Amino acid sequence: TLAAVQSGPPQHLASFLSGSQRGANSWLYSIPNERNRFSNDEFRIAINTLMLSPLPDIPLGLQCDCSSPRSMDTHGHHVYACRSRRSENNALHDDLRDLVLAMGNRASPRNGSTRNMKPFLCLSNDKGESNRKEGDIVFPAGVGPHTRMTIVDIGVTTAASAPVIDGHQAPVEGKAAEDYAQRKHEKYDANCNAVGADFVPVIIECQGYIGKDGQKLFNG
């Protein structure tokens, strides 16, 4: 119950709120197919995450190979956020990118959406150094509520962020995703607008919450 979760660790409440968003658990009711299928281990991890249960594959006190002094918790919150675990996080990122691409093509068949044409989101960083950051997907004719060229950038994060775990930030539904999206807007909006494009960050928390920009794109 919500009362039981509220009395526990803050990262559990953050995960609970993220997974409570409408549609966050729709994967439980989806019919498996070639593109939508869990292995036994993947399904077990997904159920444990949904139920806020420890993951037996992560021993208590296991230290991550990143620079963080924090041990990996048995619920996997650090794994979801750790930047050094790029292979796992990139795989999830790429799966989401392909899903958004397919959804966009179905919604706007005229589009010819592509991952090959990638206008740069940012040509230089704050220090003026070259930073050829590319978007993940380009919809040349727009998509959903967007009527001009739309550049989509995918982001994956966790509701149980370090500030929440450390007690510096109260758990709020979607805060990790919305903060991440805001940082992307601040970095890339101006550059995209300069080439006549809308910038849409699609940020998804591992526990289920989809950022507002992504919601508008999917529902538009």
C-alpha atoms as a PDB file:
ATOM      1  CA  THR A   1       0.000   0.000   0.000  1.00  0.00           C
ATOM      2  CA  LEU A   2       0.993   3.634  -0.377  1.00  0.00           C
ATOM      3  CA  ALA A   3       1.233   4.056   3.406  1.00  0.00           C
ATOM      4  CA  ALA A   4       3.703   1.167   3.640  1.00  0.00           C
ATOM      5  CA  VAL A   5       5.842   2.573   0.831  1.00  0.00           C
ATOM      6  CA  GLN A   6       5.797   6.071   2.377  1.00  0.00           C
ATOM      7  CA  SER A   7       7.215   4.683   5.605  1.00  0.00           C
ATOM      8  CA  GLY A   8      10.126   3.013   3.787  1.00  0.00           C
ATOM      9  CA  PRO A   9      13.242   4.346   2.041  1.00  0.00           C
ATOM     10  CA  PRO A  10      12.636   7.433  -0.147  1.00  0.00           C
ATOM     11  CA  GLN A  11      13.952   5.673  -3.250  1.00  0.00           C
ATOM     12  CA  HIS A  12      11.161   3.116  -2.907  1.00  0.00           C
ATOM     13  CA  LEU A  13       8.544   5.864  -2.842  1.00  0.00           C
ATOM     14  CA  ALA A  14      10.147   7.530  -5.889  1.00  0.00           C
ATOM     15  CA  SER A  15      10.028   4.204  -7.768  1.00  0.00           C
ATOM     16  CA  PHE A  16       6.429   3.599  -6.676  1.00  0.00           C
ATOM     17  CA  LEU A  17       5.312   7.023  -7.907  1.00  0.00           C
ATOM     18  CA  SER A  18       7.090   6.526 -11.236  1.00  0.00           C
ATOM     19  CA  GLY A  19       5.460   3.138 -11.771  1.00  0.00           C
ATOM     20  CA  SER A  20       2.036   4.523 -10.860  1.00  0.00           C
ATOM     21  CA  GLN A  21       1.784   6.733 -13.948  1.00  0.00           C
ATOM     22  CA  ARG A  22      -1.058   5.753 -16.247  1.00  0.00           C
ATOM     23  CA  GLY A  23       0.243   3.237 -18.760  1.00  0.00           C
ATOM     24  CA  ALA A  24       3.519   2.635 -16.934  1.00  0.00           C
ATOM     25  CA  ASN A  25       2.680  -1.029 -16.413  1.00  0.00           C
ATOM     26  CA  SER A  26       0.918  -1.674 -19.717  1.00  0.00           C
ATOM     27  CA  TRP A  27       3.707  -4.111 -20.625  1.00  0.00           C
ATOM     28  CA  LEU A  28       2.043  -6.565 -18.254  1.00  0.00           C
ATOM     29  CA  TYR A  29      -0.979  -6.752 -20.581  1.00  0.00           C
ATOM     30  CA  SER A  30       0.835  -6.706 -23.913  1.00  0.00           C
ATOM     31  CA  ILE A  31       0.724  -9.790 -26.105  1.00  0.00           C
ATOM     32  CA  PRO A  32       4.288 -11.059 -26.676  1.00  0.00           C
ATOM     33  CA  ASN A  33       5.620 -10.914 -30.221  1.00  0.00           C
ATOM     34  CA  GLU A  34       9.030 -10.911 -31.903  1.00  0.00           C
ATOM     35  CA  ARG A  35       9.695  -7.270 -30.917  1.00  0.00           C
ATOM     36  CA  ASN A  36       7.981  -7.398 -27.542  1.00  0.00           C
ATOM     37  CA  ARG A  37       9.240 -10.396 -25.640  1.00  0.00           C
ATOM     38  CA  PHE A  38      11.016 -10.884 -22.293  1.00  0.00           C
ATOM     39  CA  SER A  39      13.463 -13.614 -21.509  1.00  0.00           C
ATOM     40  CA  ASN A  40      12.789 -15.394 -18.213  1.00  0.00           C
ATOM     41  CA  ASP A  41      15.492 -13.366 -16.461  1.00  0.00           C
ATOM     42  CA  GLU A  42      14.265 -10.059 -17.927  1.00  0.00           C
ATOM     43  CA  PHE A  43      10.704 -10.755 -16.819  1.00  0.00           C
ATOM     44  CA  ARG A  44      11.859 -11.687 -13.318  1.00  0.00           C
ATOM     45  CA  ILE A  45      13.853  -8.447 -13.021  1.00  0.00           C
ATOM     46  CA  ALA A  46      10.925  -6.391 -14.338  1.00  0.00           C
ATOM     47  CA  ILE A  47       8.529  -7.941 -11.805  1.00  0.00           C
ATOM     48  CA  ASN A  48      10.975  -7.466  -8.932  1.00  0.00           C
ATOM     49  CA  THR A  49      11.433  -3.812  -9.915  1.00  0.00           C
ATOM     50  CA  LEU A  50       7.668  -3.294 -10.131  1.00  0.00           C
ATOM     51  CA  MET A  51       7.117  -4.901  -6.717  1.00  0.00           C
ATOM     52  CA  LEU A  52      10.057  -3.013  -5.117  1.00  0.00           C
ATOM     53  CA  SER A  53      11.671  -6.360  -4.322  1.00  0.00           C
ATOM     54  CA  PRO A  54      15.451  -6.910  -4.116  1.00  0.00           C
ATOM     55  CA  LEU A  55      17.197  -8.317  -7.156  1.00  0.00           C
ATOM     56  CA  PRO A  56      18.856 -11.586  -6.088  1.00  0.00           C
ATOM     57  CA  ASP A  57      21.570 -11.179  -8.736  1.00  0.00           C
ATOM     58  CA  ILE A  58      23.034  -8.170  -6.868  1.00  0.00           C
ATOM     59  CA  PRO A  59      24.757  -9.351  -3.658  1.00  0.00           C
ATOM     60  CA  LEU A  60      24.559  -7.063  -0.651  1.00  0.00           C
ATOM     61  CA  GLY A  61      27.578  -4.750  -0.450  1.00  0.00           C
ATOM     62  CA  LEU A  62      28.733  -5.302  -4.039  1.00  0.00           C
ATOM     63  CA  GLN A  63      30.881  -2.362  -5.138  1.00  0.00           C
ATOM     64  CA  CYS A  64      30.390  -0.866  -8.600  1.00  0.00           C
ATOM     65  CA  ASP A  65      33.464  -0.446 -10.790  1.00  0.00           C
ATOM     66  CA  CYS A  66      32.679   3.259 -11.245  1.00  0.00           C
ATOM     67  CA  SER A  67      34.127   6.071  -9.124  1.00  0.00           C
ATOM     68  CA  SER A  68      31.106   6.259  -6.821  1.00  0.00           C
ATOM     69  CA  PRO A  69      31.857   5.409  -3.177  1.00  0.00           C
ATOM     70  CA  ARG A  70      28.322   4.047  -2.865  1.00  0.00           C
ATOM     71  CA  SER A  71      27.830   0.294  -2.922  1.00  0.00           C
ATOM     72  CA  MET A  72      25.377  -1.108  -5.436  1.00  0.00           C
ATOM     73  CA  ASP A  73      22.024  -1.470  -3.710  1.00  0.00           C
ATOM     74  CA  THR A  74      20.106  -4.735  -4.066  1.00  0.00           C
ATOM     75  CA  HIS A  75      17.174  -2.970  -5.773  1.00  0.00           C
ATOM     76  CA  GLY A  76      19.319  -1.926  -8.731  1.00  0.00           C
ATOM     77  CA  HIS A  77      18.841   1.848  -8.382  1.00  0.00           C
ATOM     78  CA  HIS A  78      22.553   2.509  -8.878  1.00  0.00           C
ATOM     79  CA  VAL A  79      22.695   0.233 -11.926  1.00  0.00           C
ATOM     80  CA  TYR A  80      19.903   2.232 -13.590  1.00  0.00           C
ATOM     81  CA  ALA A  81      21.760   5.520 -13.089  1.00  0.00           C
ATOM     82  CA  CYS A  82      25.450   4.579 -13.339  1.00  0.00           C
ATOM     83  CA  ARG A  83      27.122   6.216 -16.343  1.00  0.00           C
ATOM     84  CA  SER A  84      29.956   3.689 -16.393  1.00  0.00           C
ATOM     85  CA  ARG A  85      27.593   0.863 -17.309  1.00  0.00           C
ATOM     86  CA  ARG A  86      27.206   2.136 -20.859  1.00  0.00           C
ATOM     87  CA  SER A  87      26.646  -1.218 -22.555  1.00  0.00           C
ATOM     88  CA  GLU A  88      23.486  -1.979 -20.555  1.00  0.00           C
ATOM     89  CA  ASN A  89      22.184   1.590 -20.672  1.00  0.00           C
ATOM     90  CA  ASN A  90      22.920   1.978 -24.387  1.00  0.00           C
ATOM     91  CA  ALA A  91      20.999  -1.209 -25.154  1.00  0.00           C
ATOM     92  CA  LEU A  92      17.919   0.168 -23.369  1.00  0.00           C
ATOM     93  CA  HIS A  93      18.386   3.551 -25.065  1.00  0.00           C
ATOM     94  CA  ASP A  94      18.562   1.926 -28.506  1.00  0.00           C
ATOM     95  CA  ASP A  95      15.459  -0.188 -27.866  1.00  0.00           C
ATOM     96  CA  LEU A  96      13.502   2.932 -26.917  1.00  0.00           C
ATOM     97  CA  ARG A  97      14.849   4.821 -29.944  1.00  0.00           C
ATOM     98  CA  ASP A  98      13.657   2.080 -32.303  1.00  0.00           C
ATOM     99  CA  LEU A  99      10.248   2.008 -30.590  1.00  0.00           C
ATOM    100  CA  VAL A 100       9.774   5.780 -30.909  1.00  0.00           C
ATOM    101  CA  LEU A 101      10.898   5.625 -34.545  1.00  0.00           C
ATOM    102  CA  ALA A 102       8.355   2.902 -35.342  1.00  0.00           C
ATOM    103  CA  MET A 103       5.551   4.747 -33.529  1.00  0.00           C
ATOM    104  CA  GLY A 104       6.374   7.970 -35.374  1.00  0.00           C
ATOM    105  CA  ASN A 105       6.334   6.236 -38.751  1.00  0.00           C
ATOM    106  CA  ARG A 106       2.934   4.708 -38.022  1.00  0.00           C
ATOM    107  CA  ALA A 107       1.542   8.047 -36.834  1.00  0.00           C
ATOM    108  CA  SER A 108       2.919  10.020 -39.808  1.00  0.00           C
ATOM    109  CA  PRO A 109       3.507   7.680 -42.791  1.00  0.00           C
ATOM    110  CA  ARG A 110       4.377  10.659 -45.021  1.00  0.00           C
ATOM    111  CA  ASN A 111       7.342  11.439 -42.867  1.00  0.00           C
ATOM    112  CA  GLY A 112      10.089   9.164 -44.043  1.00  0.00           C
ATOM    113  CA  SER A 113      11.486   9.333 -40.501  1.00  0.00           C
ATOM    114  CA  THR A 114      15.119   8.440 -40.335  1.00  0.00           C
ATOM    115  CA  ARG A 115      18.069   7.828 -38.083  1.00  0.00           C
ATOM    116  CA  ASN A 116      20.471   8.590 -40.933  1.00  0.00           C
ATOM    117  CA  MET A 117      19.804  12.338 -41.226  1.00  0.00           C
ATOM    118  CA  LYS A 118      20.961  13.812 -37.934  1.00  0.00           C
ATOM    119  CA  PRO A 119      21.167  17.608 -37.633  1.00  0.00           C
ATOM    120  CA  PHE A 120      23.535  18.549 -34.860  1.00  0.00           C
ATOM    121  CA  LEU A 121      21.829  19.511 -31.629  1.00  0.00           C
ATOM    122  CA  CYS A 122      24.834  21.426 -30.372  1.00  0.00           C
ATOM    123  CA  LEU A 123      27.903  22.558 -32.288  1.00  0.00           C
ATOM    124  CA  SER A 124      29.896  23.760 -29.294  1.00  0.00           C
ATOM    125  CA  ASN A 125      29.844  23.465 -25.533  1.00  0.00           C
ATOM    126  CA  ASP A 126      29.970  26.260 -22.949  1.00  0.00           C
ATOM    127  CA  LYS A 127      33.726  26.587 -23.483  1.00  0.00           C
ATOM    128  CA  GLY A 128      33.406  26.969 -27.235  1.00  0.00           C
ATOM    129  CA  GLU A 129      34.878  23.518 -27.840  1.00  0.00           C
ATOM    130  CA  SER A 130      33.574  21.336 -30.644  1.00  0.00           C
ATOM    131  CA  ASN A 131      30.743  19.065 -29.470  1.00  0.00           C
ATOM    132  CA  ARG A 132      29.032  17.372 -32.411  1.00  0.00           C
ATOM    133  CA  LYS A 133      26.107  16.015 -30.451  1.00  0.00           C
ATOM    134  CA  GLU A 134      23.485  14.459 -32.711  1.00  0.00           C
ATOM    135  CA  GLY A 135      19.802  13.776 -32.204  1.00  0.00           C
ATOM    136  CA  ASP A 136      18.554  10.198 -32.175  1.00  0.00           C
ATOM    137  CA  ILE A 137      15.690  10.564 -34.688  1.00  0.00           C
ATOM    138  CA  VAL A 138      14.655  13.166 -37.248  1.00  0.00           C
ATOM    139  CA  PHE A 139      11.070  13.516 -38.451  1.00  0.00           C
ATOM    140  CA  PRO A 140      11.514  15.794 -41.504  1.00  0.00           C
ATOM    141  CA  ALA A 141       7.809  16.672 -41.793  1.00  0.00           C
ATOM    142  CA  GLY A 142       7.064  16.788 -38.082  1.00  0.00           C
ATOM    143  CA  VAL A 143       5.228  14.266 -35.948  1.00  0.00           C
ATOM    144  CA  GLY A 144       2.332  14.327 -33.499  1.00  0.00           C
ATOM    145  CA  PRO A 145       1.633  17.939 -32.470  1.00  0.00           C
ATOM    146  CA  HIS A 146       4.775  19.183 -34.246  1.00  0.00           C
ATOM    147  CA  THR A 147       4.257  20.476 -37.799  1.00  0.00           C
ATOM    148  CA  ARG A 148       7.854  21.313 -38.698  1.00  0.00           C
ATOM    149  CA  MET A 149      10.999  19.201 -38.692  1.00  0.00           C
ATOM    150  CA  THR A 150      11.308  17.512 -35.323  1.00  0.00           C
ATOM    151  CA  ILE A 151      14.511  16.241 -33.723  1.00  0.00           C
ATOM    152  CA  VAL A 152      14.000  13.659 -30.992  1.00  0.00           C
ATOM    153  CA  ASP A 153      16.612  12.804 -28.384  1.00  0.00           C
ATOM    154  CA  ILE A 154      16.074   9.767 -26.148  1.00  0.00           C
ATOM    155  CA  GLY A 155      17.099   9.754 -22.494  1.00  0.00           C
ATOM    156  CA  VAL A 156      16.894   7.056 -19.810  1.00  0.00           C
ATOM    157  CA  THR A 157      17.102   7.785 -16.099  1.00  0.00           C
ATOM    158  CA  THR A 158      15.886   6.480 -12.751  1.00  0.00           C
ATOM    159  CA  ALA A 159      13.308   7.897 -10.379  1.00  0.00           C
ATOM    160  CA  ALA A 160      15.574   6.931  -7.486  1.00  0.00           C
ATOM    161  CA  SER A 161      18.185   9.586  -8.220  1.00  0.00           C
ATOM    162  CA  ALA A 162      21.178  10.259  -5.984  1.00  0.00           C
ATOM    163  CA  PRO A 163      19.539  13.334  -4.313  1.00  0.00           C
ATOM    164  CA  VAL A 164      16.537  11.182  -3.403  1.00  0.00           C
ATOM    165  CA  ILE A 165      18.656   8.319  -2.071  1.00  0.00           C
ATOM    166  CA  ASP A 166      20.817  10.743  -0.063  1.00  0.00           C
ATOM    167  CA  GLY A 167      17.759  12.443   1.416  1.00  0.00           C
ATOM    168  CA  HIS A 168      18.446  15.838  -0.193  1.00  0.00           C
ATOM    169  CA  GLN A 169      15.303  15.753  -2.342  1.00  0.00           C
ATOM    170  CA  ALA A 170      11.786  14.559  -1.563  1.00  0.00           C
ATOM    171  CA  PRO A 171      10.373  11.947  -3.962  1.00  0.00           C
ATOM    172  CA  VAL A 172       8.112  13.628  -6.534  1.00  0.00           C
ATOM    173  CA  GLU A 173       6.443  11.834  -9.434  1.00  0.00           C
ATOM    174  CA  GLY A 174       8.396  12.364 -12.631  1.00  0.00           C
ATOM    175  CA  LYS A 175      10.918  14.813 -11.187  1.00  0.00           C
ATOM    176  CA  ALA A 176      13.991  12.904 -12.388  1.00  0.00           C
ATOM    177  CA  ALA A 177      12.628  12.721 -15.948  1.00  0.00           C
ATOM    178  CA  GLU A 178      11.459  16.336 -16.057  1.00  0.00           C
ATOM    179  CA  ASP A 179      14.759  17.650 -14.654  1.00  0.00           C
ATOM    180  CA  TYR A 180      16.645  15.654 -17.291  1.00  0.00           C
ATOM    181  CA  ALA A 181      14.373  16.999 -20.048  1.00  0.00           C
ATOM    182  CA  GLN A 182      14.864  20.561 -18.837  1.00  0.00           C
ATOM    183  CA  ARG A 183      18.641  20.198 -19.012  1.00  0.00           C
ATOM    184  CA  LYS A 184      18.351  18.970 -22.598  1.00  0.00           C
ATOM    185  CA  HIS A 185      16.040  21.860 -23.533  1.00  0.00           C
ATOM    186  CA  GLU A 186      18.512  24.368 -22.126  1.00  0.00           C
ATOM    187  CA  LYS A 187      21.354  22.832 -24.146  1.00  0.00           C
ATOM    188  CA  TYR A 188      19.677  22.189 -27.495  1.00  0.00           C
ATOM    189  CA  ASP A 189      16.499  24.285 -28.029  1.00  0.00           C
ATOM    190  CA  ALA A 190      18.279  27.311 -29.494  1.00  0.00           C
ATOM    191  CA  ASN A 191      20.372  25.269 -31.946  1.00  0.00           C
ATOM    192  CA  CYS A 192      17.370  23.314 -33.188  1.00  0.00           C
ATOM    193  CA  ASN A 193      15.256  26.440 -33.563  1.00  0.00           C
ATOM    194  CA  ALA A 194      18.072  28.040 -35.579  1.00  0.00           C
ATOM    195  CA  VAL A 195      17.689  25.328 -38.252  1.00  0.00           C
ATOM    196  CA  GLY A 196      13.881  25.504 -38.168  1.00  0.00           C
ATOM    197  CA  ALA A 197      13.320  22.415 -36.068  1.00  0.00           C
ATOM    198  CA  ASP A 198      11.480  21.527 -32.881  1.00  0.00           C
ATOM    199  CA  PHE A 199      13.488  19.716 -30.231  1.00  0.00           C
ATOM    200  CA  VAL A 200      11.729  16.963 -28.272  1.00  0.00           C
ATOM    201  CA  PRO A 201      13.521  15.114 -25.468  1.00  0.00           C
ATOM    202  CA  VAL A 202      11.799  11.793 -24.787  1.00  0.00           C
ATOM    203  CA  ILE A 203      12.880  10.900 -21.263  1.00  0.00           C
ATOM    204  CA  ILE A 204      11.799   7.677 -19.618  1.00  0.00           C
ATOM    205  CA  GLU A 205      12.411   6.573 -16.060  1.00  0.00           C
ATOM    206  CA  CYS A 206      13.285   2.889 -15.726  1.00  0.00           C
ATOM    207  CA  GLN A 207      10.424   2.473 -13.276  1.00  0.00           C
ATOM    208  CA  GLY A 208       7.836   3.559 -15.878  1.00  0.00           C
ATOM    209  CA  TYR A 209       7.309   7.323 -15.919  1.00  0.00           C
ATOM    210  CA  ILE A 210       7.417   9.002 -19.340  1.00  0.00           C
ATOM    211  CA  GLY A 211       8.337  12.695 -19.404  1.00  0.00           C
ATOM    212  CA  LYS A 212       5.744  15.269 -20.478  1.00  0.00           C
ATOM    213  CA  ASP A 213       7.445  15.954 -23.811  1.00  0.00           C
ATOM    214  CA  GLY A 214       7.263  12.277 -24.642  1.00  0.00           C
ATOM    215  CA  GLN A 215       3.640  12.068 -23.500  1.00  0.00           C
ATOM    216  CA  LYS A 216       2.674  14.925 -25.844  1.00  0.00           C
ATOM    217  CA  LEU A 217       4.545  13.297 -28.721  1.00  0.00           C
ATOM    218  CA  PHE A 218       2.864   9.913 -28.211  1.00  0.00           C
ATOM    219  CA  ASN A 219      -0.612  11.352 -27.607  1.00  0.00           C
ATOM    220  CA  GLY A 220      -0.476  14.027 -30.307  1.00  0.00           C
END
